[in-house]
Amino acid sequence: MTYPEFEAAVGRISLSLPDELFEKLNGGIIVSPETKLHKKSVPENPLYIAGEYTRSPSMRLITVYYGSFMRLYGHLDNAAIEERIDEVLRHELRHHWESLSGECGLEIEDADSIDDYLSEMR
């Protein structure tokens, strides 16, 4: 999937989701060409970040990383990549809504996943 195709897929999938999910996401969804590694990634088994929810006092946004997607899913056909885009967008939107409500369940799940990853690397 090319970068323009990826951008179009992210836009299409975003539009298919209920508008209410995007409430107060004032920075919207950004598609970055970057390949982003998690800060705890180890070289022998890289841990790529496919999407990321960012919040500050004045901004809330989701970034989707094309380079990371291609590293993780570039071997899949476009339909399968679009399924992964949908999963990542829903994951990041859950972070958004939990942030708005003061919940942190998904943050805990993500931290547990990182711990599992690190345990496997030992």
PDB file of N, CA and C in Angstrom:
ATOM      1  N   MET A   1       0.855  -1.170   0.000  1.00  0.00           N
ATOM      2  CA  MET A   1       0.000   0.000   0.000  1.00  0.00           C
ATOM      3  C   MET A   1       0.900   1.231   0.000  1.00  0.00           C
ATOM      4  N   THR A   2       0.656   2.120  -0.905  1.00  0.00           N
ATOM      5  CA  THR A   2       1.436   3.348  -0.981  1.00  0.00           C
ATOM      6  C   THR A   2       0.991   4.329   0.106  1.00  0.00           C
ATOM      7  N   TYR A   3       1.816   5.336   0.333  1.00  0.00           N
ATOM      8  CA  TYR A   3       1.472   6.346   1.334  1.00  0.00           C
ATOM      9  C   TYR A   3       0.158   7.052   0.992  1.00  0.00           C
ATOM     10  N   PRO A   4      -0.054   7.500  -0.262  1.00  0.00           N
ATOM     11  CA  PRO A   4      -1.344   8.126  -0.580  1.00  0.00           C
ATOM     12  C   PRO A   4      -2.533   7.173  -0.389  1.00  0.00           C
ATOM     13  N   GLU A   5      -2.351   5.909  -0.727  1.00  0.00           N
ATOM     14  CA  GLU A   5      -3.426   4.930  -0.500  1.00  0.00           C
ATOM     15  C   GLU A   5      -3.701   4.761   0.986  1.00  0.00           C
ATOM     16  N   PHE A   6      -2.642   4.757   1.776  1.00  0.00           N
ATOM     17  CA  PHE A   6      -2.767   4.629   3.222  1.00  0.00           C
ATOM     18  C   PHE A   6      -3.515   5.830   3.803  1.00  0.00           C
ATOM     19  N   GLU A   7      -3.121   7.034   3.397  1.00  0.00           N
ATOM     20  CA  GLU A   7      -3.809   8.243   3.856  1.00  0.00           C
ATOM     21  C   GLU A   7      -5.294   8.191   3.515  1.00  0.00           C
ATOM     22  N   ALA A   8      -5.598   7.773   2.305  1.00  0.00           N
ATOM     23  CA  ALA A   8      -7.001   7.681   1.874  1.00  0.00           C
ATOM     24  C   ALA A   8      -7.751   6.649   2.705  1.00  0.00           C
ATOM     25  N   ALA A   9      -7.109   5.529   3.002  1.00  0.00           N
ATOM     26  CA  ALA A   9      -7.749   4.484   3.802  1.00  0.00           C
ATOM     27  C   ALA A   9      -8.024   4.985   5.220  1.00  0.00           C
ATOM     28  N   VAL A  10      -7.080   5.686   5.818  1.00  0.00           N
ATOM     29  CA  VAL A  10      -7.291   6.235   7.156  1.00  0.00           C
ATOM     30  C   VAL A  10      -8.476   7.200   7.133  1.00  0.00           C
ATOM     31  N   GLY A  11      -8.545   8.055   6.115  1.00  0.00           N
ATOM     32  CA  GLY A  11      -9.665   8.988   5.991  1.00  0.00           C
ATOM     33  C   GLY A  11     -10.992   8.278   5.819  1.00  0.00           C
ATOM     34  N   ARG A  12     -11.010   7.301   4.961  1.00  0.00           N
ATOM     35  CA  ARG A  12     -12.241   6.532   4.689  1.00  0.00           C
ATOM     36  C   ARG A  12     -12.725   5.805   5.948  1.00  0.00           C
ATOM     37  N   ILE A  13     -11.802   5.165   6.633  1.00  0.00           N
ATOM     38  CA  ILE A  13     -12.153   4.415   7.842  1.00  0.00           C
ATOM     39  C   ILE A  13     -12.616   5.380   8.932  1.00  0.00           C
ATOM     40  N   SER A  14     -11.947   6.515   9.073  1.00  0.00           N
ATOM     41  CA  SER A  14     -12.354   7.516  10.056  1.00  0.00           C
ATOM     42  C   SER A  14     -13.783   7.979   9.803  1.00  0.00           C
ATOM     43  N   LEU A  15     -14.106   8.211   8.543  1.00  0.00           N
ATOM     44  CA  LEU A  15     -15.451   8.676   8.194  1.00  0.00           C
ATOM     45  C   LEU A  15     -16.515   7.618   8.438  1.00  0.00           C
ATOM     46  N   SER A  16     -16.117   6.364   8.487  1.00  0.00           N
ATOM     47  CA  SER A  16     -17.082   5.284   8.718  1.00  0.00           C
ATOM     48  C   SER A  16     -17.437   5.126  10.202  1.00  0.00           C
ATOM     49  N   LEU A  17     -16.663   5.775  11.075  1.00  0.00           N
ATOM     50  CA  LEU A  17     -16.899   5.680  12.511  1.00  0.00           C
ATOM     51  C   LEU A  17     -17.873   6.772  12.957  1.00  0.00           C
ATOM     52  N   PRO A  18     -18.615   6.536  14.036  1.00  0.00           N
ATOM     53  CA  PRO A  18     -19.575   7.542  14.509  1.00  0.00           C
ATOM     54  C   PRO A  18     -18.898   8.872  14.852  1.00  0.00           C
ATOM     55  N   ASP A  19     -19.504   9.961  14.428  1.00  0.00           N
ATOM     56  CA  ASP A  19     -18.967  11.300  14.687  1.00  0.00           C
ATOM     57  C   ASP A  19     -18.714  11.551  16.172  1.00  0.00           C
ATOM     58  N   GLU A  20     -19.564  10.986  17.027  1.00  0.00           N
ATOM     59  CA  GLU A  20     -19.455  11.210  18.461  1.00  0.00           C
ATOM     60  C   GLU A  20     -18.101  10.777  19.022  1.00  0.00           C
ATOM     61  N   LEU A  21     -17.474   9.788  18.385  1.00  0.00           N
ATOM     62  CA  LEU A  21     -16.174   9.310  18.878  1.00  0.00           C
ATOM     63  C   LEU A  21     -15.093  10.371  18.765  1.00  0.00           C
ATOM     64  N   PHE A  22     -15.297  11.333  17.874  1.00  0.00           N
ATOM     65  CA  PHE A  22     -14.280  12.345  17.606  1.00  0.00           C
ATOM     66  C   PHE A  22     -14.494  13.628  18.408  1.00  0.00           C
ATOM     67  N   GLU A  23     -15.527  13.625  19.276  1.00  0.00           N
ATOM     68  CA  GLU A  23     -15.810  14.790  20.098  1.00  0.00           C
ATOM     69  C   GLU A  23     -14.578  15.157  20.919  1.00  0.00           C
ATOM     70  N   LYS A  24     -14.217  16.424  20.880  1.00  0.00           N
ATOM     71  CA  LYS A  24     -13.075  16.996  21.617  1.00  0.00           C
ATOM     72  C   LYS A  24     -11.721  16.492  21.118  1.00  0.00           C
ATOM     73  N   LEU A  25     -11.692  15.777  20.007  1.00  0.00           N
ATOM     74  CA  LEU A  25     -10.418  15.397  19.390  1.00  0.00           C
ATOM     75  C   LEU A  25     -10.041  16.545  18.454  1.00  0.00           C
ATOM     76  N   ASN A  26      -9.662  17.676  19.059  1.00  0.00           N
ATOM     77  CA  ASN A  26      -9.512  18.919  18.303  1.00  0.00           C
ATOM     78  C   ASN A  26      -8.308  18.942  17.366  1.00  0.00           C
ATOM     79  N   GLY A  27      -7.385  17.999  17.523  1.00  0.00           N
ATOM     80  CA  GLY A  27      -6.250  17.912  16.605  1.00  0.00           C
ATOM     81  C   GLY A  27      -6.492  16.925  15.479  1.00  0.00           C
ATOM     82  N   GLY A  28      -7.601  16.189  15.566  1.00  0.00           N
ATOM     83  CA  GLY A  28      -7.970  15.237  14.525  1.00  0.00           C
ATOM     84  C   GLY A  28      -7.036  14.040  14.457  1.00  0.00           C
ATOM     85  N   ILE A  29      -6.971  13.487  13.264  1.00  0.00           N
ATOM     86  CA  ILE A  29      -6.112  12.331  12.988  1.00  0.00           C
ATOM     87  C   ILE A  29      -5.054  12.755  11.993  1.00  0.00           C
ATOM     88  N   ILE A  30      -3.832  12.506  12.338  1.00  0.00           N
ATOM     89  CA  ILE A  30      -2.689  12.844  11.485  1.00  0.00           C
ATOM     90  C   ILE A  30      -2.064  11.548  10.995  1.00  0.00           C
ATOM     91  N   VAL A  31      -1.738  11.505   9.716  1.00  0.00           N
ATOM     92  CA  VAL A  31      -0.998  10.373   9.167  1.00  0.00           C
ATOM     93  C   VAL A  31       0.446  10.835   8.980  1.00  0.00           C
ATOM     94  N   SER A  32       1.359  10.117   9.598  1.00  0.00           N
ATOM     95  CA  SER A  32       2.782  10.435   9.516  1.00  0.00           C
ATOM     96  C   SER A  32       3.495   9.364   8.691  1.00  0.00           C
ATOM     97  N   PRO A  33       4.455   9.747   7.857  1.00  0.00           N
ATOM     98  CA  PRO A  33       5.220   8.748   7.109  1.00  0.00           C
ATOM     99  C   PRO A  33       6.227   7.992   7.981  1.00  0.00           C
ATOM    100  N   GLU A  34       6.385   8.429   9.197  1.00  0.00           N
ATOM    101  CA  GLU A  34       7.411   7.933  10.117  1.00  0.00           C
ATOM    102  C   GLU A  34       7.239   6.456  10.494  1.00  0.00           C
ATOM    103  N   THR A  35       8.367   5.823  10.743  1.00  0.00           N
ATOM    104  CA  THR A  35       8.425   4.523  11.412  1.00  0.00           C
ATOM    105  C   THR A  35       8.823   4.836  12.842  1.00  0.00           C
ATOM    106  N   LYS A  36       7.940   4.511  13.792  1.00  0.00           N
ATOM    107  CA  LYS A  36       8.208   4.888  15.173  1.00  0.00           C
ATOM    108  C   LYS A  36       8.373   3.650  16.039  1.00  0.00           C
ATOM    109  N   LEU A  37       9.472   3.608  16.753  1.00  0.00           N
ATOM    110  CA  LEU A  37       9.747   2.527  17.697  1.00  0.00           C
ATOM    111  C   LEU A  37       9.356   2.954  19.104  1.00  0.00           C
ATOM    112  N   HIS A  38       8.855   2.014  19.881  1.00  0.00           N
ATOM    113  CA  HIS A  38       8.565   2.272  21.287  1.00  0.00           C
ATOM    114  C   HIS A  38       9.884   2.536  22.001  1.00  0.00           C
ATOM    115  N   LYS A  39       9.858   3.387  23.000  1.00  0.00           N
ATOM    116  CA  LYS A  39      11.098   3.734  23.716  1.00  0.00           C
ATOM    117  C   LYS A  39      11.738   2.542  24.406  1.00  0.00           C
ATOM    118  N   LYS A  40      10.968   1.476  24.662  1.00  0.00           N
ATOM    119  CA  LYS A  40      11.516   0.273  25.289  1.00  0.00           C
ATOM    120  C   LYS A  40      11.810  -0.836  24.272  1.00  0.00           C
ATOM    121  N   SER A  41      11.733  -0.512  23.003  1.00  0.00           N
ATOM    122  CA  SER A  41      11.987  -1.493  21.948  1.00  0.00           C
ATOM    123  C   SER A  41      13.417  -2.015  22.033  1.00  0.00           C
ATOM    124  N   VAL A  42      13.579  -3.298  21.707  1.00  0.00           N
ATOM    125  CA  VAL A  42      14.920  -3.877  21.657  1.00  0.00           C
ATOM    126  C   VAL A  42      15.257  -4.202  20.198  1.00  0.00           C
ATOM    127  N   PRO A  43      16.513  -4.017  19.818  1.00  0.00           N
ATOM    128  CA  PRO A  43      16.891  -4.181  18.406  1.00  0.00           C
ATOM    129  C   PRO A  43      16.586  -5.559  17.814  1.00  0.00           C
ATOM    130  N   GLU A  44      16.728  -6.615  18.595  1.00  0.00           N
ATOM    131  CA  GLU A  44      16.539  -7.953  18.033  1.00  0.00           C
ATOM    132  C   GLU A  44      15.069  -8.296  17.775  1.00  0.00           C
ATOM    133  N   ASN A  45      14.148  -7.532  18.343  1.00  0.00           N
ATOM    134  CA  ASN A  45      12.716  -7.732  18.104  1.00  0.00           C
ATOM    135  C   ASN A  45      12.016  -6.386  18.261  1.00  0.00           C
ATOM    136  N   PRO A  46      12.089  -5.527  17.234  1.00  0.00           N
ATOM    137  CA  PRO A  46      11.577  -4.160  17.351  1.00  0.00           C
ATOM    138  C   PRO A  46      10.090  -4.107  17.715  1.00  0.00           C
ATOM    139  N   LEU A  47       9.763  -3.123  18.540  1.00  0.00           N
ATOM    140  CA  LEU A  47       8.382  -2.882  18.954  1.00  0.00           C
ATOM    141  C   LEU A  47       7.937  -1.568  18.319  1.00  0.00           C
ATOM    142  N   TYR A  48       7.168  -1.689  17.235  1.00  0.00           N
ATOM    143  CA  TYR A  48       6.733  -0.523  16.476  1.00  0.00           C
ATOM    144  C   TYR A  48       5.447   0.052  17.048  1.00  0.00           C
ATOM    145  N   ILE A  49       5.336   1.368  16.992  1.00  0.00           N
ATOM    146  CA  ILE A  49       4.112   2.061  17.382  1.00  0.00           C
ATOM    147  C   ILE A  49       3.340   2.350  16.098  1.00  0.00           C
ATOM    148  N   ALA A  50       2.162   1.747  15.960  1.00  0.00           N
ATOM    149  CA  ALA A  50       1.331   1.933  14.761  1.00  0.00           C
ATOM    150  C   ALA A  50       0.473   3.184  14.875  1.00  0.00           C
ATOM    151  N   GLY A  51       0.033   3.481  16.095  1.00  0.00           N
ATOM    152  CA  GLY A  51      -0.792   4.659  16.326  1.00  0.00           C
ATOM    153  C   GLY A  51      -0.546   5.177  17.723  1.00  0.00           C
ATOM    154  N   GLU A  52      -0.880   6.458  17.916  1.00  0.00           N
ATOM    155  CA  GLU A  52      -0.576   7.077  19.194  1.00  0.00           C
ATOM    156  C   GLU A  52      -1.590   8.186  19.482  1.00  0.00           C
ATOM    157  N   TYR A  53      -2.126   8.161  20.682  1.00  0.00           N
ATOM    158  CA  TYR A  53      -3.012   9.234  21.146  1.00  0.00           C
ATOM    159  C   TYR A  53      -2.177  10.205  21.956  1.00  0.00           C
ATOM    160  N   THR A  54      -2.297  11.483  21.650  1.00  0.00           N
ATOM    161  CA  THR A  54      -1.544  12.516  22.346  1.00  0.00           C
ATOM    162  C   THR A  54      -2.515  13.540  22.908  1.00  0.00           C
ATOM    163  N   ARG A  55      -2.279  13.908  24.155  1.00  0.00           N
ATOM    164  CA  ARG A  55      -3.110  14.946  24.755  1.00  0.00           C
ATOM    165  C   ARG A  55      -2.221  15.930  25.493  1.00  0.00           C
ATOM    166  N   SER A  56      -2.627  17.158  25.432  1.00  0.00           N
ATOM    167  CA  SER A  56      -1.988  18.229  26.177  1.00  0.00           C
ATOM    168  C   SER A  56      -3.131  19.110  26.693  1.00  0.00           C
ATOM    169  N   PRO A  57      -2.827  20.121  27.473  1.00  0.00           N
ATOM    170  CA  PRO A  57      -3.923  20.969  27.951  1.00  0.00           C
ATOM    171  C   PRO A  57      -4.762  21.595  26.832  1.00  0.00           C
ATOM    172  N   SER A  58      -4.144  21.803  25.664  1.00  0.00           N
ATOM    173  CA  SER A  58      -4.888  22.471  24.591  1.00  0.00           C
ATOM    174  C   SER A  58      -5.145  21.601  23.358  1.00  0.00           C
ATOM    175  N   MET A  59      -4.600  20.392  23.300  1.00  0.00           N
ATOM    176  CA  MET A  59      -4.710  19.597  22.071  1.00  0.00           C
ATOM    177  C   MET A  59      -4.877  18.114  22.378  1.00  0.00           C
ATOM    178  N   ARG A  60      -5.748  17.484  21.587  1.00  0.00           N
ATOM    179  CA  ARG A  60      -5.948  16.035  21.629  1.00  0.00           C
ATOM    180  C   ARG A  60      -5.942  15.555  20.189  1.00  0.00           C
ATOM    181  N   LEU A  61      -5.070  14.590  19.883  1.00  0.00           N
ATOM    182  CA  LEU A  61      -4.975  14.111  18.513  1.00  0.00           C
ATOM    183  C   LEU A  61      -4.506  12.672  18.461  1.00  0.00           C
ATOM    184  N   ILE A  62      -4.724  12.071  17.313  1.00  0.00           N
ATOM    185  CA  ILE A  62      -4.259  10.710  17.046  1.00  0.00           C
ATOM    186  C   ILE A  62      -3.300  10.779  15.873  1.00  0.00           C
ATOM    187  N   THR A  63      -2.169  10.103  16.011  1.00  0.00           N
ATOM    188  CA  THR A  63      -1.213   9.990  14.918  1.00  0.00           C
ATOM    189  C   THR A  63      -1.138   8.517  14.514  1.00  0.00           C
ATOM    190  N   VAL A  64      -1.205   8.283  13.207  1.00  0.00           N
ATOM    191  CA  VAL A  64      -1.073   6.936  12.651  1.00  0.00           C
ATOM    192  C   VAL A  64       0.218   6.928  11.836  1.00  0.00           C
ATOM    193  N   TYR A  65       1.071   5.947  12.089  1.00  0.00           N
ATOM    194  CA  TYR A  65       2.413   5.914  11.499  1.00  0.00           C
ATOM    195  C   TYR A  65       2.480   4.932  10.325  1.00  0.00           C
ATOM    196  N   TYR A  66       2.539   5.502   9.137  1.00  0.00           N
ATOM    197  CA  TYR A  66       2.599   4.691   7.915  1.00  0.00           C
ATOM    198  C   TYR A  66       3.814   3.765   7.912  1.00  0.00           C
ATOM    199  N   GLY A  67       4.974   4.292   8.248  1.00  0.00           N
ATOM    200  CA  GLY A  67       6.191   3.482   8.230  1.00  0.00           C
ATOM    201  C   GLY A  67       6.094   2.287   9.166  1.00  0.00           C
ATOM    202  N   SER A  68       5.545   2.508  10.339  1.00  0.00           N
ATOM    203  CA  SER A  68       5.360   1.407  11.283  1.00  0.00           C
ATOM    204  C   SER A  68       4.379   0.380  10.731  1.00  0.00           C
ATOM    205  N   PHE A  69       3.293   0.859  10.143  1.00  0.00           N
ATOM    206  CA  PHE A  69       2.318  -0.057   9.542  1.00  0.00           C
ATOM    207  C   PHE A  69       2.970  -0.923   8.479  1.00  0.00           C
ATOM    208  N   MET A  70       3.807  -0.323   7.653  1.00  0.00           N
ATOM    209  CA  MET A  70       4.436  -1.096   6.579  1.00  0.00           C
ATOM    210  C   MET A  70       5.431  -2.103   7.150  1.00  0.00           C
ATOM    211  N   ARG A  71       6.114  -1.751   8.230  1.00  0.00           N
ATOM    212  CA  ARG A  71       7.025  -2.704   8.875  1.00  0.00           C
ATOM    213  C   ARG A  71       6.255  -3.876   9.466  1.00  0.00           C
ATOM    214  N   LEU A  72       5.095  -3.559  10.066  1.00  0.00           N
ATOM    215  CA  LEU A  72       4.293  -4.590  10.724  1.00  0.00           C
ATOM    216  C   LEU A  72       3.427  -5.384   9.751  1.00  0.00           C
ATOM    217  N   TYR A  73       2.821  -4.685   8.801  1.00  0.00           N
ATOM    218  CA  TYR A  73       1.764  -5.296   7.987  1.00  0.00           C
ATOM    219  C   TYR A  73       1.977  -5.175   6.475  1.00  0.00           C
ATOM    220  N   GLY A  74       3.127  -4.681   6.060  1.00  0.00           N
ATOM    221  CA  GLY A  74       3.383  -4.462   4.637  1.00  0.00           C
ATOM    222  C   GLY A  74       3.279  -5.713   3.784  1.00  0.00           C
ATOM    223  N   HIS A  75       3.395  -6.870   4.399  1.00  0.00           N
ATOM    224  CA  HIS A  75       3.290  -8.145   3.678  1.00  0.00           C
ATOM    225  C   HIS A  75       1.838  -8.540   3.410  1.00  0.00           C
ATOM    226  N   LEU A  76       0.888  -7.821   4.023  1.00  0.00           N
ATOM    227  CA  LEU A  76      -0.530  -8.138   3.864  1.00  0.00           C
ATOM    228  C   LEU A  76      -1.126  -7.398   2.669  1.00  0.00           C
ATOM    229  N   ASP A  77      -2.276  -7.873   2.213  1.00  0.00           N
ATOM    230  CA  ASP A  77      -2.954  -7.155   1.128  1.00  0.00           C
ATOM    231  C   ASP A  77      -3.640  -5.913   1.709  1.00  0.00           C
ATOM    232  N   ASN A  78      -4.099  -5.032   0.828  1.00  0.00           N
ATOM    233  CA  ASN A  78      -4.669  -3.762   1.260  1.00  0.00           C
ATOM    234  C   ASN A  78      -5.880  -3.929   2.174  1.00  0.00           C
ATOM    235  N   ALA A  79      -6.721  -4.914   1.888  1.00  0.00           N
ATOM    236  CA  ALA A  79      -7.909  -5.141   2.727  1.00  0.00           C
ATOM    237  C   ALA A  79      -7.498  -5.489   4.158  1.00  0.00           C
ATOM    238  N   ALA A  80      -6.474  -6.315   4.305  1.00  0.00           N
ATOM    239  CA  ALA A  80      -6.004  -6.693   5.637  1.00  0.00           C
ATOM    240  C   ALA A  80      -5.353  -5.506   6.341  1.00  0.00           C
ATOM    241  N   ILE A  81      -4.631  -4.682   5.604  1.00  0.00           N
ATOM    242  CA  ILE A  81      -4.032  -3.480   6.203  1.00  0.00           C
ATOM    243  C   ILE A  81      -5.136  -2.545   6.679  1.00  0.00           C
ATOM    244  N   GLU A  82      -6.198  -2.421   5.890  1.00  0.00           N
ATOM    245  CA  GLU A  82      -7.311  -1.564   6.304  1.00  0.00           C
ATOM    246  C   GLU A  82      -7.976  -2.089   7.579  1.00  0.00           C
ATOM    247  N   GLU A  83      -8.044  -3.388   7.745  1.00  0.00           N
ATOM    248  CA  GLU A  83      -8.580  -3.953   8.991  1.00  0.00           C
ATOM    249  C   GLU A  83      -7.704  -3.539  10.171  1.00  0.00           C
ATOM    250  N   ARG A  84      -6.394  -3.551   9.973  1.00  0.00           N
ATOM    251  CA  ARG A  84      -5.470  -3.147  11.041  1.00  0.00           C
ATOM    252  C   ARG A  84      -5.608  -1.651  11.334  1.00  0.00           C
ATOM    253  N   ILE A  85      -5.798  -0.846  10.289  1.00  0.00           N
ATOM    254  CA  ILE A  85      -6.012   0.593  10.490  1.00  0.00           C
ATOM    255  C   ILE A  85      -7.249   0.801  11.360  1.00  0.00           C
ATOM    256  N   ASP A  86      -8.320   0.093  11.048  1.00  0.00           N
ATOM    257  CA  ASP A  86      -9.553   0.198  11.821  1.00  0.00           C
ATOM    258  C   ASP A  86      -9.298  -0.167  13.289  1.00  0.00           C
ATOM    259  N   GLU A  87      -8.580  -1.248  13.521  1.00  0.00           N
ATOM    260  CA  GLU A  87      -8.263  -1.672  14.894  1.00  0.00           C
ATOM    261  C   GLU A  87      -7.463  -0.599  15.637  1.00  0.00           C
ATOM    262  N   VAL A  88      -6.467  -0.041  14.965  1.00  0.00           N
ATOM    263  CA  VAL A  88      -5.611   0.970  15.606  1.00  0.00           C
ATOM    264  C   VAL A  88      -6.409   2.237  15.887  1.00  0.00           C
ATOM    265  N   LEU A  89      -7.232   2.672  14.943  1.00  0.00           N
ATOM    266  CA  LEU A  89      -8.038   3.868  15.183  1.00  0.00           C
ATOM    267  C   LEU A  89      -8.981   3.664  16.365  1.00  0.00           C
ATOM    268  N   ARG A  90      -9.624   2.515  16.433  1.00  0.00           N
ATOM    269  CA  ARG A  90     -10.532   2.241  17.555  1.00  0.00           C
ATOM    270  C   ARG A  90      -9.770   2.187  18.885  1.00  0.00           C
ATOM    271  N   HIS A  91      -8.576   1.613  18.852  1.00  0.00           N
ATOM    272  CA  HIS A  91      -7.735   1.555  20.052  1.00  0.00           C
ATOM    273  C   HIS A  91      -7.402   2.972  20.526  1.00  0.00           C
ATOM    274  N   GLU A  92      -6.953   3.810  19.606  1.00  0.00           N
ATOM    275  CA  GLU A  92      -6.558   5.168  19.978  1.00  0.00           C
ATOM    276  C   GLU A  92      -7.766   6.005  20.390  1.00  0.00           C
ATOM    277  N   LEU A  93      -8.907   5.778  19.764  1.00  0.00           N
ATOM    278  CA  LEU A  93     -10.128   6.480  20.176  1.00  0.00           C
ATOM    279  C   LEU A  93     -10.561   6.039  21.572  1.00  0.00           C
ATOM    280  N   ARG A  94     -10.306   4.793  21.914  1.00  0.00           N
ATOM    281  CA  ARG A  94     -10.593   4.344  23.280  1.00  0.00           C
ATOM    282  C   ARG A  94      -9.697   5.097  24.271  1.00  0.00           C
ATOM    283  N   HIS A  95      -8.423   5.280  23.918  1.00  0.00           N
ATOM    284  CA  HIS A  95      -7.544   6.087  24.767  1.00  0.00           C
ATOM    285  C   HIS A  95      -8.140   7.490  24.945  1.00  0.00           C
ATOM    286  N   HIS A  96      -8.618   8.059  23.849  1.00  0.00           N
ATOM    287  CA  HIS A  96      -9.207   9.404  23.876  1.00  0.00           C
ATOM    288  C   HIS A  96     -10.382   9.455  24.848  1.00  0.00           C
ATOM    289  N   TRP A  97     -11.294   8.519  24.717  1.00  0.00           N
ATOM    290  CA  TRP A  97     -12.487   8.535  25.561  1.00  0.00           C
ATOM    291  C   TRP A  97     -12.167   8.204  27.013  1.00  0.00           C
ATOM    292  N   GLU A  98     -11.233   7.320  27.230  1.00  0.00           N
ATOM    293  CA  GLU A  98     -10.835   7.050  28.611  1.00  0.00           C
ATOM    294  C   GLU A  98     -10.176   8.284  29.224  1.00  0.00           C
ATOM    295  N   SER A  99      -9.396   8.995  28.445  1.00  0.00           N
ATOM    296  CA  SER A  99      -8.767  10.215  28.918  1.00  0.00           C
ATOM    297  C   SER A  99      -9.822  11.245  29.309  1.00  0.00           C
ATOM    298  N   LEU A 100     -10.835  11.401  28.480  1.00  0.00           N
ATOM    299  CA  LEU A 100     -11.904  12.357  28.774  1.00  0.00           C
ATOM    300  C   LEU A 100     -12.672  11.992  30.037  1.00  0.00           C
ATOM    301  N   SER A 101     -12.789  10.695  30.297  1.00  0.00           N
ATOM    302  CA  SER A 101     -13.583  10.263  31.449  1.00  0.00           C
ATOM    303  C   SER A 101     -12.738   9.990  32.701  1.00  0.00           C
ATOM    304  N   GLY A 102     -11.420  10.166  32.593  1.00  0.00           N
ATOM    305  CA  GLY A 102     -10.553   9.935  33.740  1.00  0.00           C
ATOM    306  C   GLY A 102     -10.243   8.470  33.999  1.00  0.00           C
ATOM    307  N   GLU A 103     -10.523   7.624  33.035  1.00  0.00           N
ATOM    308  CA  GLU A 103     -10.231   6.190  33.154  1.00  0.00           C
ATOM    309  C   GLU A 103      -8.833   5.907  32.618  1.00  0.00           C
ATOM    310  N   CYS A 104      -8.280   4.748  32.993  1.00  0.00           N
ATOM    311  CA  CYS A 104      -6.945   4.405  32.487  1.00  0.00           C
ATOM    312  C   CYS A 104      -6.814   2.906  32.218  1.00  0.00           C
ATOM    313  N   GLY A 105      -7.929   2.211  31.998  1.00  0.00           N
ATOM    314  CA  GLY A 105      -7.899   0.772  31.764  1.00  0.00           C
ATOM    315  C   GLY A 105      -7.034   0.367  30.588  1.00  0.00           C
ATOM    316  N   LEU A 106      -7.146   1.091  29.476  1.00  0.00           N
ATOM    317  CA  LEU A 106      -6.357   0.742  28.298  1.00  0.00           C
ATOM    318  C   LEU A 106      -4.879   1.052  28.506  1.00  0.00           C
ATOM    319  N   GLU A 107      -4.582   2.098  29.237  1.00  0.00           N
ATOM    320  CA  GLU A 107      -3.178   2.388  29.563  1.00  0.00           C
ATOM    321  C   GLU A 107      -2.571   1.240  30.352  1.00  0.00           C
ATOM    322  N   ILE A 108      -3.351   0.676  31.270  1.00  0.00           N
ATOM    323  CA  ILE A 108      -2.876  -0.465  32.058  1.00  0.00           C
ATOM    324  C   ILE A 108      -2.681  -1.680  31.157  1.00  0.00           C
ATOM    325  N   GLU A 109      -3.638  -1.928  30.264  1.00  0.00           N
ATOM    326  CA  GLU A 109      -3.504  -3.051  29.315  1.00  0.00           C
ATOM    327  C   GLU A 109      -2.260  -2.878  28.448  1.00  0.00           C
ATOM    328  N   ASP A 110      -2.038  -1.661  27.957  1.00  0.00           N
ATOM    329  CA  ASP A 110      -0.857  -1.407  27.128  1.00  0.00           C
ATOM    330  C   ASP A 110       0.431  -1.625  27.924  1.00  0.00           C
ATOM    331  N   ALA A 111       0.458  -1.160  29.166  1.00  0.00           N
ATOM    332  CA  ALA A 111       1.648  -1.355  30.013  1.00  0.00           C
ATOM    333  C   ALA A 111       1.892  -2.839  30.259  1.00  0.00           C
ATOM    334  N   ASP A 112       0.813  -3.603  30.461  1.00  0.00           N
ATOM    335  CA  ASP A 112       0.959  -5.052  30.642  1.00  0.00           C
ATOM    336  C   ASP A 112       1.521  -5.702  29.377  1.00  0.00           C
ATOM    337  N   SER A 113       1.083  -5.233  28.215  1.00  0.00           N
ATOM    338  CA  SER A 113       1.608  -5.767  26.946  1.00  0.00           C
ATOM    339  C   SER A 113       3.096  -5.478  26.799  1.00  0.00           C
ATOM    340  N   ILE A 114       3.510  -4.281  27.204  1.00  0.00           N
ATOM    341  CA  ILE A 114       4.933  -3.920  27.150  1.00  0.00           C
ATOM    342  C   ILE A 114       5.720  -4.804  28.106  1.00  0.00           C
ATOM    343  N   ASP A 115       5.173  -5.030  29.298  1.00  0.00           N
ATOM    344  CA  ASP A 115       5.837  -5.911  30.264  1.00  0.00           C
ATOM    345  C   ASP A 115       5.990  -7.322  29.701  1.00  0.00           C
ATOM    346  N   ASP A 116       4.948  -7.826  29.042  1.00  0.00           N
ATOM    347  CA  ASP A 116       5.014  -9.151  28.416  1.00  0.00           C
ATOM    348  C   ASP A 116       6.107  -9.191  27.345  1.00  0.00           C
ATOM    349  N   TYR A 117       6.138  -8.165  26.516  1.00  0.00           N
ATOM    350  CA  TYR A 117       7.158  -8.041  25.466  1.00  0.00           C
ATOM    351  C   TYR A 117       8.554  -8.086  26.080  1.00  0.00           C
ATOM    352  N   LEU A 118       8.777  -7.290  27.127  1.00  0.00           N
ATOM    353  CA  LEU A 118      10.088  -7.233  27.764  1.00  0.00           C
ATOM    354  C   LEU A 118      10.455  -8.569  28.423  1.00  0.00           C
ATOM    355  N   SER A 119       9.475  -9.247  28.997  1.00  0.00           N
ATOM    356  CA  SER A 119       9.720 -10.557  29.589  1.00  0.00           C
ATOM    357  C   SER A 119      10.176 -11.560  28.531  1.00  0.00           C
ATOM    358  N   GLU A 120       9.553 -11.482  27.359  1.00  0.00           N
ATOM    359  CA  GLU A 120       9.937 -12.376  26.260  1.00  0.00           C
ATOM    360  C   GLU A 120      11.344 -12.098  25.767  1.00  0.00           C
ATOM    361  N   MET A 121      11.811 -10.873  25.924  1.00  0.00           N
ATOM    362  CA  MET A 121      13.131 -10.487  25.444  1.00  0.00           C
ATOM    363  C   MET A 121      14.236 -10.918  26.408  1.00  0.00           C
ATOM    364  N   ARG A 122      13.855 -11.270  27.632  1.00  0.00           N
ATOM    365  CA  ARG A 122      14.859 -11.662  28.634  1.00  0.00           C
ATOM    366  C   ARG A 122      15.294 -13.088  28.448  1.00  0.00           C
TER     367      ARG A 122
END
